[in-house]
């Protein structure tokens, strides 16, 4: 495994967890994000926010981890939102047909407001 700068920190809000991702989200680090999200105790009607503000790179493994987050939320009957999606990643979502799959917002506050 290569040494890739990466972190995924979780904080809890009144509407659910916010996972802030920083660094490279790739084959080496995506399993750590999947594990972090898989360990969350999501409740019905909560909102899982994945904040991508600090993501500097995302490959197909990273995108797969984000899809897994949607599946984890759906299994808990919770919502999911990606926030602060880097422009390059947003373009990639459009190219591969995922632009409408992920609810995206500029900020966690905007995502929460859309939920309520």
Protein backbone atom coordinates (compact mmCIF):
# COMPACT_ATOMS: atom_id res chain seq x y z
CA UNK A 1 0.00 0.00 0.00
CA UNK A 2 1.39 3.39 -0.94
CA UNK A 3 1.46 6.35 1.40
CA UNK A 4 -1.39 8.63 0.28
CA UNK A 5 -2.43 11.67 2.29
CA UNK A 6 -5.97 10.94 3.48
CA UNK A 7 -8.30 11.53 6.39
CA UNK A 8 -11.98 10.99 7.06
CA UNK A 9 -13.19 12.66 10.22
CA UNK A 10 -16.72 12.28 11.54
CA UNK A 11 -18.75 14.70 13.60
CA UNK A 12 -22.33 14.31 14.69
CA UNK A 13 -24.99 16.94 14.15
CA UNK A 14 -28.64 17.05 15.07
CA UNK A 15 -29.57 15.68 11.67
CA UNK A 16 -26.90 12.97 11.41
CA UNK A 17 -23.20 12.41 10.82
CA UNK A 18 -20.93 14.57 8.69
CA UNK A 19 -17.86 12.79 7.31
CA UNK A 20 -15.22 15.25 6.14
CA UNK A 21 -12.84 13.73 3.62
CA UNK A 22 -9.42 15.21 2.86
CA UNK A 23 -6.66 14.12 0.54
CA UNK A 24 -6.59 11.47 -2.14
CA UNK A 25 -9.58 9.16 -2.40
CA UNK A 26 -8.25 6.24 -4.40
CA UNK A 27 -7.61 2.51 -4.42
CA UNK A 28 -5.36 2.79 -1.37
CA UNK A 29 -7.67 4.98 0.74
CA UNK A 30 -11.23 4.18 -0.42
CA UNK A 31 -11.46 1.11 1.87
CA UNK A 32 -10.83 3.40 4.85
CA UNK A 33 -13.73 5.64 3.81
CA UNK A 34 -15.98 2.61 3.27
CA UNK A 35 -15.09 1.33 6.75
CA UNK A 36 -15.66 4.73 8.35
CA UNK A 37 -19.10 5.05 6.77
CA UNK A 38 -19.96 1.41 7.40
CA UNK A 39 -19.29 1.89 11.12
CA UNK A 40 -21.77 4.77 11.42
CA UNK A 41 -24.95 4.18 13.37
CA UNK A 42 -27.39 5.85 11.00
CA UNK A 43 -30.99 6.17 12.09
CA UNK A 44 -34.08 6.34 9.91
CA UNK A 45 -34.59 9.79 8.35
CA UNK A 46 -31.14 11.06 9.35
CA UNK A 47 -28.88 12.66 6.77
CA UNK A 48 -25.38 11.37 6.09
CA UNK A 49 -23.33 14.26 4.76
CA UNK A 50 -20.04 13.49 3.00
CA UNK A 51 -18.02 16.70 2.81
CA UNK A 52 -15.50 16.52 -0.04
CA UNK A 53 -14.00 19.99 0.47
CA UNK A 54 -10.48 18.69 0.92
CA UNK A 55 -10.46 15.94 -1.72
CA UNK A 56 -7.54 16.50 -4.06
CA UNK A 57 -7.98 13.38 -6.20
CA UNK A 58 -10.67 10.72 -6.66
CA UNK A 59 -10.45 7.63 -8.85
CA UNK A 60 -13.01 4.93 -9.60
CA UNK A 61 -12.35 3.27 -6.22
CA UNK A 62 -13.21 6.51 -4.50
CA UNK A 63 -16.38 6.88 -6.56
CA UNK A 64 -17.28 3.31 -5.61
CA UNK A 65 -16.86 4.21 -1.93
CA UNK A 66 -19.24 7.15 -2.42
CA UNK A 67 -21.78 4.83 -4.07
CA UNK A 68 -21.38 2.51 -1.08
CA UNK A 69 -22.24 5.46 1.19
CA UNK A 70 -25.52 5.86 -0.68
CA UNK A 71 -26.22 2.16 -0.14
CA UNK A 72 -25.43 2.37 3.58
CA UNK A 73 -27.79 5.33 3.96
CA UNK A 74 -30.54 3.60 1.96
CA UNK A 75 -30.27 0.47 4.12
CA UNK A 76 -30.83 2.64 7.21
CA UNK A 77 -33.67 4.52 5.50
CA UNK A 78 -31.55 7.65 5.81
CA UNK A 79 -30.60 10.26 3.26
CA UNK A 80 -27.19 11.08 1.88
CA UNK A 81 -25.70 14.25 0.46
CA UNK A 82 -22.31 15.10 -0.97
CA UNK A 83 -21.14 18.63 -0.26
CA UNK A 84 -18.41 20.79 -1.70
CA UNK A 85 -17.77 18.41 -4.59
CA UNK A 86 -14.59 19.50 -6.39
CA UNK A 87 -15.26 20.72 -9.96
CA UNK A 88 -13.15 17.96 -11.50
CA UNK A 89 -15.10 15.28 -9.65
CA UNK A 90 -18.44 16.90 -10.55
CA UNK A 91 -17.41 16.77 -14.21
CA UNK A 92 -16.51 13.10 -13.83
CA UNK A 93 -19.92 12.40 -12.29
CA UNK A 94 -21.50 14.00 -15.36
CA UNK A 95 -19.37 12.01 -17.79
CA UNK A 96 -20.15 8.66 -16.22
CA UNK A 97 -23.85 9.30 -15.64
CA UNK A 98 -23.79 9.85 -11.88
CA UNK A 99 -24.59 13.57 -11.84
CA UNK A 100 -28.18 12.89 -10.77
CA UNK A 101 -27.35 9.87 -8.60
CA UNK A 102 -25.68 11.90 -5.84
CA UNK A 103 -27.59 14.75 -4.21
CA UNK A 104 -24.94 17.50 -4.09
CA UNK A 105 -24.86 20.80 -2.25
CA UNK A 106 -22.39 23.61 -1.70
CA UNK A 107 -22.33 23.15 2.08
CA UNK A 108 -23.54 20.89 4.87
CA UNK A 109 -25.91 23.64 5.98
CA UNK A 110 -27.50 23.76 2.53
CA UNK A 111 -27.91 19.97 2.52
CA UNK A 112 -29.57 20.00 5.94
CA UNK A 113 -31.89 22.84 4.89
CA UNK A 114 -32.94 20.83 1.83
CA UNK A 115 -33.77 17.86 4.07
CA UNK A 116 -35.97 19.86 6.43
